Each structure stands twice: as structure tokens, then as C-alpha cells.
Protein backbone atom coordinates (compact mmCIF):
# COMPACT_ATOMS: atom_id res chain seq x y z
CA MET A 1 18.14 -10.89 19.87
CA ASN A 2 15.22 -12.21 17.98
CA LEU A 3 14.49 -10.10 15.01
CA SER A 4 12.17 -12.85 13.28
CA THR A 5 8.68 -11.70 12.24
CA THR A 6 5.99 -13.03 9.91
CA TYR A 7 4.41 -11.48 6.98
CA LEU A 8 1.70 -12.96 4.55
CA GLY A 9 2.19 -16.23 6.23
CA LEU A 10 5.80 -16.05 5.65
CA THR A 11 8.47 -16.44 8.63
CA LEU A 12 11.00 -13.90 7.94
CA LYS A 13 14.49 -13.55 9.80
CA ASN A 14 13.94 -9.72 10.16
CA PRO A 15 11.54 -7.06 9.41
CA ILE A 16 13.62 -5.38 6.68
CA VAL A 17 12.06 -5.84 3.40
CA PRO A 18 13.09 -3.99 0.09
CA SER A 19 10.25 -2.90 -1.71
CA ALA A 20 9.62 -2.78 -5.52
CA SER A 21 12.54 -0.78 -7.04
CA PRO A 22 15.04 -1.01 -9.83
CA LEU A 23 17.16 -2.86 -7.47
CA SER A 24 15.19 -6.14 -8.23
CA HIS A 25 15.75 -5.63 -12.16
CA THR A 26 18.35 -8.17 -12.11
CA LEU A 27 19.43 -11.59 -10.40
CA ASP A 28 22.68 -9.85 -8.97
CA GLY A 29 20.54 -6.96 -7.74
CA ILE A 30 18.31 -9.50 -5.62
CA ARG A 31 21.40 -11.62 -4.58
CA GLN A 32 23.07 -8.25 -3.30
CA MET A 33 20.06 -7.56 -1.16
CA GLU A 34 19.80 -10.89 0.37
CA ASP A 35 23.67 -10.88 1.15
CA ALA A 36 23.11 -7.40 2.75
CA GLY A 37 20.47 -8.68 5.20
CA ALA A 38 17.02 -8.57 3.35
CA SER A 39 14.59 -10.96 4.64
CA ALA A 40 12.56 -11.06 1.41
CA VAL A 41 12.22 -9.14 -1.55
CA VAL A 42 9.48 -7.36 -3.55
CA MET A 43 9.96 -7.61 -7.33
CA TYR A 44 9.92 -4.71 -9.43
CA SER A 45 6.33 -4.27 -10.67
CA LEU A 46 4.98 -5.98 -13.83
CA PHE A 47 2.71 -2.94 -15.41
CA GLU A 48 -0.53 -3.78 -16.91
CA GLU A 49 0.47 -1.60 -19.84
CA GLN A 50 3.42 -4.29 -20.50
CA ILE A 51 1.08 -7.01 -20.71
CA GLU A 52 -1.18 -5.02 -23.07
CA HIS A 53 1.75 -4.06 -25.16
CA GLU A 54 2.94 -7.68 -25.51
CA SER A 55 -0.80 -8.53 -26.52
CA LEU A 56 -0.85 -5.72 -29.20
CA LYS A 57 2.56 -6.78 -30.51
CA LEU A 58 1.50 -10.32 -30.98
CA ASN A 59 -1.82 -9.43 -32.47
CA TYR A 60 0.03 -7.04 -35.07
CA HIS A 61 2.35 -9.68 -36.23
CA LEU A 62 -0.58 -12.19 -36.82
CA THR A 63 -2.61 -9.66 -38.58
CA TYR A 64 -0.05 -7.82 -40.40
CA GLY A 65 -1.40 -6.15 -43.48
CA ALA A 66 -4.73 -7.03 -42.72
CA ASP A 67 -5.61 -3.71 -41.45
CA ALA A 68 -4.27 -0.19 -40.50
CA PHE A 69 -3.33 -1.30 -37.03
CA ALA A 70 0.70 -0.64 -36.60
CA GLU A 71 0.05 2.90 -35.40
CA SER A 72 -1.87 1.74 -32.15
CA LEU A 73 1.60 0.28 -31.00
CA SER A 74 3.03 3.90 -30.80
CA TYR A 75 0.36 4.67 -28.23
CA PHE A 76 2.48 2.93 -25.58
CA PRO A 77 5.92 4.12 -24.16
CA ASP A 78 8.91 2.35 -25.20
CA LEU A 79 8.22 -0.37 -22.64
CA GLY A 80 11.11 -2.67 -23.96
CA HIS A 81 13.56 -0.04 -22.46
CA TYR A 82 11.43 0.93 -19.66
CA ASN A 83 11.15 -2.33 -17.81
CA ILE A 84 11.69 -6.04 -18.60
CA GLY A 85 8.78 -7.85 -20.31
CA PRO A 86 6.33 -10.02 -19.00
CA GLU A 87 8.15 -13.27 -20.02
CA GLU A 88 11.53 -12.16 -18.73
CA TYR A 89 9.94 -10.89 -15.63
CA LEU A 90 8.52 -14.36 -14.92
CA ASP A 91 12.01 -16.07 -15.80
CA LEU A 92 13.59 -13.69 -13.43
CA ILE A 93 11.25 -14.84 -10.67
CA ARG A 94 12.27 -18.42 -11.56
CA ARG A 95 15.98 -17.72 -11.46
CA ALA A 96 15.73 -15.81 -8.14
CA LYS A 97 13.90 -18.58 -6.48
CA ALA A 98 16.73 -21.06 -7.45
CA ALA A 99 19.47 -18.49 -6.59
CA THR A 100 18.35 -17.31 -3.19
CA SER A 101 16.98 -18.58 0.19
CA ILE A 102 14.67 -15.73 1.02
CA PRO A 103 10.86 -15.26 -0.14
CA ILE A 104 10.50 -13.60 -3.45
CA ILE A 105 7.15 -11.39 -3.66
CA GLY A 106 5.86 -10.53 -7.07
CA SER A 107 4.28 -7.28 -7.96
CA LEU A 108 1.71 -6.45 -10.25
CA ASN A 109 0.85 -2.87 -11.26
CA GLY A 110 -2.49 -2.20 -13.15
CA ILE A 111 -6.07 -0.99 -12.86
CA SER A 112 -8.17 -3.82 -14.44
CA ASN A 113 -8.88 -7.55 -13.97
CA GLY A 114 -8.06 -8.82 -17.43
CA GLY A 115 -4.31 -9.30 -17.51
CA TRP A 116 -3.89 -9.31 -13.83
CA ILE A 117 -5.49 -12.84 -13.44
CA ASP A 118 -3.64 -14.44 -16.09
CA TYR A 119 -0.23 -13.17 -14.81
CA ALA A 120 -1.12 -13.36 -11.20
CA ARG A 121 -1.24 -17.21 -11.97
CA LYS A 122 1.94 -17.16 -14.06
CA ILE A 123 3.80 -15.33 -11.28
CA GLN A 124 2.59 -18.16 -8.90
CA GLU A 125 3.51 -20.80 -11.23
CA ALA A 126 7.15 -19.14 -11.58
CA GLY A 127 7.66 -19.77 -8.02
CA ALA A 128 6.72 -16.62 -6.08
CA ASP A 129 5.97 -16.99 -2.46
CA ALA A 130 3.43 -14.22 -2.53
CA LEU A 131 1.83 -11.33 -4.53
CA GLU A 132 1.59 -7.61 -4.13
CA LEU A 133 -1.04 -6.02 -6.04
CA ASN A 134 0.00 -2.26 -6.65
CA ILE A 135 -3.39 -0.68 -7.80
CA TYR A 136 -2.68 2.53 -9.44
CA THR A 137 -5.74 4.47 -10.48
CA ILE A 138 -6.48 8.24 -10.76
CA PRO A 139 -10.16 8.75 -10.89
CA ALA A 140 -9.97 11.79 -13.28
CA SER A 141 -13.80 11.70 -14.40
CA PRO A 142 -16.47 13.76 -12.54
CA GLN A 143 -18.70 11.15 -13.14
CA LEU A 144 -17.04 8.29 -11.45
CA THR A 145 -17.85 7.97 -7.78
CA GLY A 146 -15.90 7.21 -4.68
CA MET A 147 -18.24 3.76 -4.40
CA GLU A 148 -17.18 2.82 -7.89
CA VAL A 149 -13.48 3.44 -7.37
CA GLU A 150 -13.40 1.35 -4.28
CA GLU A 151 -15.51 -1.61 -5.93
CA ASP A 152 -12.91 -1.54 -8.67
CA TYR A 153 -10.28 -2.35 -6.19
CA LEU A 154 -12.32 -4.87 -4.38
CA GLU A 155 -13.26 -6.61 -7.61
CA THR A 156 -9.39 -6.78 -8.49
CA VAL A 157 -8.91 -8.39 -5.20
CA ARG A 158 -11.58 -10.86 -5.28
CA ALA A 159 -10.55 -11.98 -9.05
CA VAL A 160 -6.88 -12.39 -8.10
CA LYS A 161 -7.50 -14.21 -4.77
CA SER A 162 -10.26 -16.65 -6.67
CA ASN A 163 -7.26 -17.70 -9.27
CA VAL A 164 -4.35 -18.19 -6.94
CA THR A 165 -3.29 -19.96 -3.64
CA ILE A 166 -0.41 -17.70 -2.71
CA PRO A 167 -0.96 -14.87 -0.24
CA VAL A 168 -1.93 -11.63 -1.62
CA ALA A 169 -0.91 -8.10 -0.35
CA VAL A 170 -2.62 -4.87 -1.57
CA LYS A 171 -0.50 -1.69 -1.83
CA LEU A 172 -2.89 0.82 -0.92
CA GLY A 173 -3.20 4.67 -1.33
CA PRO A 174 -4.01 7.07 1.34
CA SER A 175 -6.78 8.98 -0.65
CA PHE A 176 -9.88 6.98 0.50
CA SER A 177 -12.39 9.04 2.45
CA SER A 178 -12.55 6.11 5.15
CA ILE A 179 -9.36 4.22 5.18
CA PRO A 180 -10.46 1.73 8.11
CA ASN A 181 -13.43 0.98 6.12
CA MET A 182 -11.71 0.17 2.92
CA ALA A 183 -8.97 -1.74 4.90
CA ALA A 184 -11.79 -3.86 6.37
CA ARG A 185 -13.51 -4.55 3.16
CA LEU A 186 -10.04 -5.35 1.46
CA ALA A 187 -9.65 -7.97 4.19
CA GLU A 188 -13.00 -9.51 3.43
CA ALA A 189 -12.24 -9.53 -0.25
CA GLY A 190 -9.38 -11.78 0.62
CA ALA A 191 -6.21 -9.34 1.05
CA ASN A 192 -3.84 -11.08 3.42
CA ALA A 193 -1.79 -7.94 3.86
CA LEU A 194 -1.91 -4.15 3.29
CA ALA A 195 1.08 -2.24 2.34
CA LEU A 196 0.65 1.73 3.50
CA PHE A 197 0.94 3.84 1.41
CA ASN A 198 1.55 3.52 -2.16
CA ARG A 199 3.24 6.98 -3.32
CA PHE A 200 1.41 8.21 -6.33
CA TYR A 201 3.92 10.18 -8.08
CA GLN A 202 2.78 13.81 -9.17
CA PRO A 203 3.54 15.17 -12.68
CA ASP A 204 5.24 18.43 -12.94
CA LEU A 205 5.04 21.06 -15.86
CA ASP A 206 7.70 22.21 -17.86
CA ILE A 207 7.01 25.93 -18.65
CA GLU A 208 9.50 26.06 -21.45
CA THR A 209 8.60 22.97 -23.65
CA LEU A 210 4.89 23.12 -22.50
CA GLU A 211 5.13 19.44 -21.56
CA VAL A 212 3.96 17.44 -18.66
CA ALA A 213 7.27 16.16 -17.17
CA PRO A 214 7.36 12.96 -14.85
CA ARG A 215 10.00 13.87 -12.26
CA LEU A 216 10.59 11.07 -9.43
CA HIS A 217 11.51 12.29 -6.07
CA LEU A 218 12.85 9.94 -3.48
CA SER A 219 11.03 9.75 -0.01
CA SER A 220 12.39 11.01 3.18
CA SER A 221 11.91 9.93 6.86
CA LEU A 222 9.07 12.78 6.84
CA ASP A 223 7.06 10.64 4.52
CA LEU A 224 6.77 8.10 7.58
CA ARG A 225 4.30 9.84 9.43
CA LEU A 226 1.19 9.14 7.24
CA PRO A 227 1.57 5.37 7.12
CA LEU A 228 2.82 5.36 10.79
CA ARG A 229 -0.66 6.98 11.86
CA TRP A 230 -2.69 4.72 9.81
CA VAL A 231 -1.10 1.43 10.70
CA ALA A 232 -1.34 2.70 14.54
CA ILE A 233 -4.80 3.06 14.13
CA LEU A 234 -5.68 -0.17 12.06
CA TYR A 235 -3.66 -2.42 14.29
CA GLY A 236 -5.67 -4.97 16.16
CA ARG A 237 -8.97 -3.86 14.29
CA VAL A 238 -8.33 -5.33 10.79
CA ALA A 239 -7.26 -8.73 10.64
CA VAL A 240 -4.50 -8.49 8.07
CA ASP A 241 -0.72 -8.02 8.25
CA PHE A 242 0.70 -4.61 7.65
CA ALA A 243 3.72 -3.20 5.90
CA ILE A 244 4.87 0.28 5.89
CA THR A 245 6.32 1.01 2.67
CA SER A 246 7.24 4.93 2.74
CA GLY A 247 9.63 6.79 4.50
CA VAL A 248 11.51 4.12 6.14
CA HIS A 249 15.30 5.24 6.05
CA THR A 250 16.59 4.80 9.60
CA HIS A 251 16.72 2.17 12.32
CA GLU A 252 14.45 4.66 14.19
CA ASP A 253 11.92 4.66 11.39
CA ALA A 254 11.82 0.80 11.25
CA LEU A 255 11.34 0.86 15.18
CA LYS A 256 8.49 3.06 14.86
CA GLY A 257 6.70 1.18 12.14
CA LEU A 258 7.05 -2.06 14.18
CA MET A 259 5.74 -0.17 17.38
CA ALA A 260 2.69 1.08 15.32
CA GLY A 261 1.95 -2.45 14.63
CA ALA A 262 3.48 -3.20 11.32
CA ASN A 263 4.86 -6.71 10.46
CA VAL A 264 7.58 -5.46 8.22
CA THR A 265 9.13 -2.06 7.17
CA MET A 266 9.90 -1.74 3.62
CA MET A 267 12.75 0.15 2.10
CA ALA A 268 13.47 1.56 -1.54
CA SER A 269 14.51 5.14 -1.74
CA GLU A 270 17.18 4.68 0.98
CA LEU A 271 18.55 1.86 -0.78
CA LEU A 272 18.57 3.58 -4.01
CA HIS A 273 20.05 6.73 -2.60
CA ASN A 274 22.73 4.96 -0.33
CA GLY A 275 23.25 1.42 -1.51
CA VAL A 276 21.96 -2.09 -0.32
CA GLY A 277 24.53 -2.03 2.42
CA ARG A 278 22.14 0.26 4.36
CA ILE A 279 19.98 -2.74 5.24
CA GLY A 280 22.92 -4.33 7.25
CA GLU A 281 23.39 -1.06 8.84
CA VAL A 282 19.92 -0.59 9.93
CA LEU A 283 19.61 -4.02 11.29
CA ALA A 284 22.79 -3.43 13.41
CA ASP A 285 21.56 -0.26 14.67
CA MET A 286 18.17 -1.72 15.56
CA THR A 287 19.57 -4.70 17.33
CA ARG A 288 21.85 -2.25 19.43
CA TRP A 289 18.75 -0.06 20.45
CA MET A 290 16.73 -3.04 21.39
CA GLU A 291 19.52 -4.28 23.62
CA GLU A 292 20.04 -0.99 25.34
CA HIS A 293 16.21 -0.83 25.76
CA GLU A 294 15.97 -4.38 27.08
CA TYR A 295 13.85 -5.70 24.13
CA GLU A 296 14.28 -9.22 23.43
CA SER A 297 12.19 -9.75 20.31
CA VAL A 298 10.64 -7.86 17.46
CA ALA A 299 7.19 -9.46 18.45
CA GLN A 300 7.65 -8.07 21.90
CA MET A 301 7.63 -4.34 20.58
CA ARG A 302 5.11 -5.00 17.82
CA GLY A 303 1.82 -2.86 18.38
CA SER A 304 3.19 -1.48 21.71
CA MET A 305 2.49 2.17 20.42
CA SER A 306 -0.57 1.42 18.33
CA GLN A 307 -3.71 3.32 19.07
CA LYS A 308 -5.17 0.53 21.09
CA ASN A 309 -2.25 0.41 23.57
CA VAL A 310 -0.88 3.89 23.98
CA ALA A 311 -1.91 5.89 27.12
CA ASP A 312 -3.50 8.55 25.01
CA PRO A 313 -5.47 7.14 21.94
CA ALA A 314 -6.68 10.41 20.91
CA ALA A 315 -3.17 11.45 19.96
CA PHE A 316 -3.60 9.73 16.66
CA GLU A 317 -6.84 11.79 15.90
CA ARG A 318 -8.13 15.45 16.03
CA ALA A 319 -6.70 16.02 19.31
CA ASN A 320 -3.21 15.80 18.14
CA TYR A 321 -3.91 18.50 15.51
CA MET A 322 -4.87 20.97 18.09
CA LYS A 323 -1.69 20.17 20.26
CA MET A 324 0.62 20.58 17.41
CA LEU A 325 -0.54 23.74 16.35
CA GLN A 326 -0.46 25.10 19.98
CA SER A 327 3.04 23.65 20.40
CA TRP A 328 4.59 25.62 17.67
CA ARG A 329 7.00 28.48 18.82
CA PRO A 330 9.08 30.52 16.61
CA ASP A 331 12.66 30.32 16.69
CA PRO A 332 14.16 33.42 18.33
CA THR A 333 17.40 32.77 16.53
CA ALA A 334 15.92 32.67 12.96
CA THR A 335 15.87 36.37 12.48
CA HIS A 336 19.55 36.69 13.98
CA ARG A 337 20.66 33.94 11.48
CA THR A 338 19.22 35.58 8.62
CA LEU A 339 20.50 39.07 9.38
CA SER A 340 24.03 37.53 9.77
CA ALA A 341 23.85 35.86 6.71
CA LYS A 342 23.01 39.29 4.87
């Protein structure tokens, strides 16, 4: 059984790649993922705020006493305890490359070009095989147009690509008015792959303390449907590799992603919840399923259920919405179960 695939110009032994998560905070964590069967690892993201924080700290010590500047350092969260700093991040990449035999993919999370370009180069110099740009921006201003938001993404990709030689993936959110057009423009800007989709974490409100409360909810297999649909639509139309990076929890999820057209399926929530040993279990289940259904390779199934290859292409578009509404039927046992419970 040939489980190998390609992603970002890299030949991978299988299509299961842990995405950016706290599991890659340490060298031991990265080794454990490799031992469990991961074909590559996307490093935990280095945040733009951390790069800015480091710059402010340096400037503060160089200009101490010259002005009332120290207070500005308190504008940032306690990043030293939130995540490892920029230099430690680069050192971890170096050590991971020396201690493992799988590709290591760096990850940058930010919204502007300044720190991205310098640290994209440093991540490359540290030995990363590729780089994922996790562009996280909330266009909260009514004066900011959709066109301006899109241009910011494209300019970031162009700037990074002009300063590094390693392949670059863009972790894309689902909120663009035309995802196919944006995907095509990102490919033209130099993106080698698109990871669908970035899960923008939504803030909650604490009505007792009257504070905005960040609460993290891990994904479930239900979250697979959105990236599955768009990878299936984009496959064969936009000349980039695809990663599905939300909602992959089981071997069925991984198989669906590959059949839609993804090169790799990325896991994080499942590994955080049930341990990195799930990688090997998913791979074993995938192998059994492929043998039972007479598939010889991942390449054979990739894109087989994309929009361009299925018998009913309209199923991925509006017609599917109508069929879904018409297919719903009430559960006749639901009322009985409710009355019995009472």
C-alpha cells in the first residue's frame, strides 16, 4: 500500500500532518509525533505580537530613562508565558531538524509585512523545509473594504516569497466573498499551497465579570464539511497544493479530504484530545479501508470525488442546499424518547 503524497514540493511518507498546536512546543513533542507516524510537522506559530514585543523590550533597555516608555510594554499580553519567544522558536527549529528525519514546516501568525519578512528569512536559515503563513486579521473598520483586505493578504505573500526560497503555504480563512478568485490570486502571488480553513476563534462574553473571555473549543468532524467542499471545488482549477486543516479526526475524515483533492490532511484537535498515538491508529485504519476497497495508493484516490470528477458537480453548489432541505424528515421516535425521559 503506497500512502506517500507530495505537499509543498516535499515527498511525504503519508498524508497525515500535525498542524500548528502546543504539541510542537518542545523537541520531545515533535519527536513523539514523528514516532507516532507523522509525515511532517507544522511548528507552533510565532506571533507577530511576540516579534513586536521583543523589539519593544530591546528598545526599552537601550533608551531606559530617556522617556516615559516602559508603560507601552504592558500593552502586550504576557507573551513570555504564552509561547516561546522568537529566538527560542528558531532554536527549536534547528534542534528539530537535527533530531528528526521528517520535514519541519515553520509557521508565522500576523497581519503586517514588517516582522514577517525578517523572520521568514530567519526561519528558512534555521533549516525549516517550508513556511506556513497564518494570516489572522479581523477587518473591524467600516472604512476598510474587502478589496483592501484581499490586497493586504496578497502583498504579504508577495513580500515573503520575494525574500525566501523555501515553499510557502497560506492558511486561509473562509470569509472571502469569492474564495476561488482569492485562491487563484494567492497562487499568482506565489503561494505554493493553501491550507483550508483557518478557524478564527470567537470571543465569548462573561456576564458576571463584564469581560471579553477567550474560550477555546476544539474542532469536531462536523467542521470538516466546509473545507471539504471548497477543496473539492478548487481541485484542478487552481494550481496549488491543498491541505485540509480543520475537522480531521478519523480515518474517514482523512479519506474524504484526499478524495476531495487535498494533498495532506492536518490534525490538531484530535491529537490534543486523544494523544499523538491517534496518528498511527488513523493510518492503520486508512490502510485497512484502502485494502478492502482495492485502492493501491493515495495518488489513485486523490481528487476522485472533486467537483470536476463526480457524476453530479452541482452537488457542491446551490442544488445541494435544496436537496438537503428536502431530505430532512422528523424523527418519529424523538417525541416518544422525550416523554419517556420525563
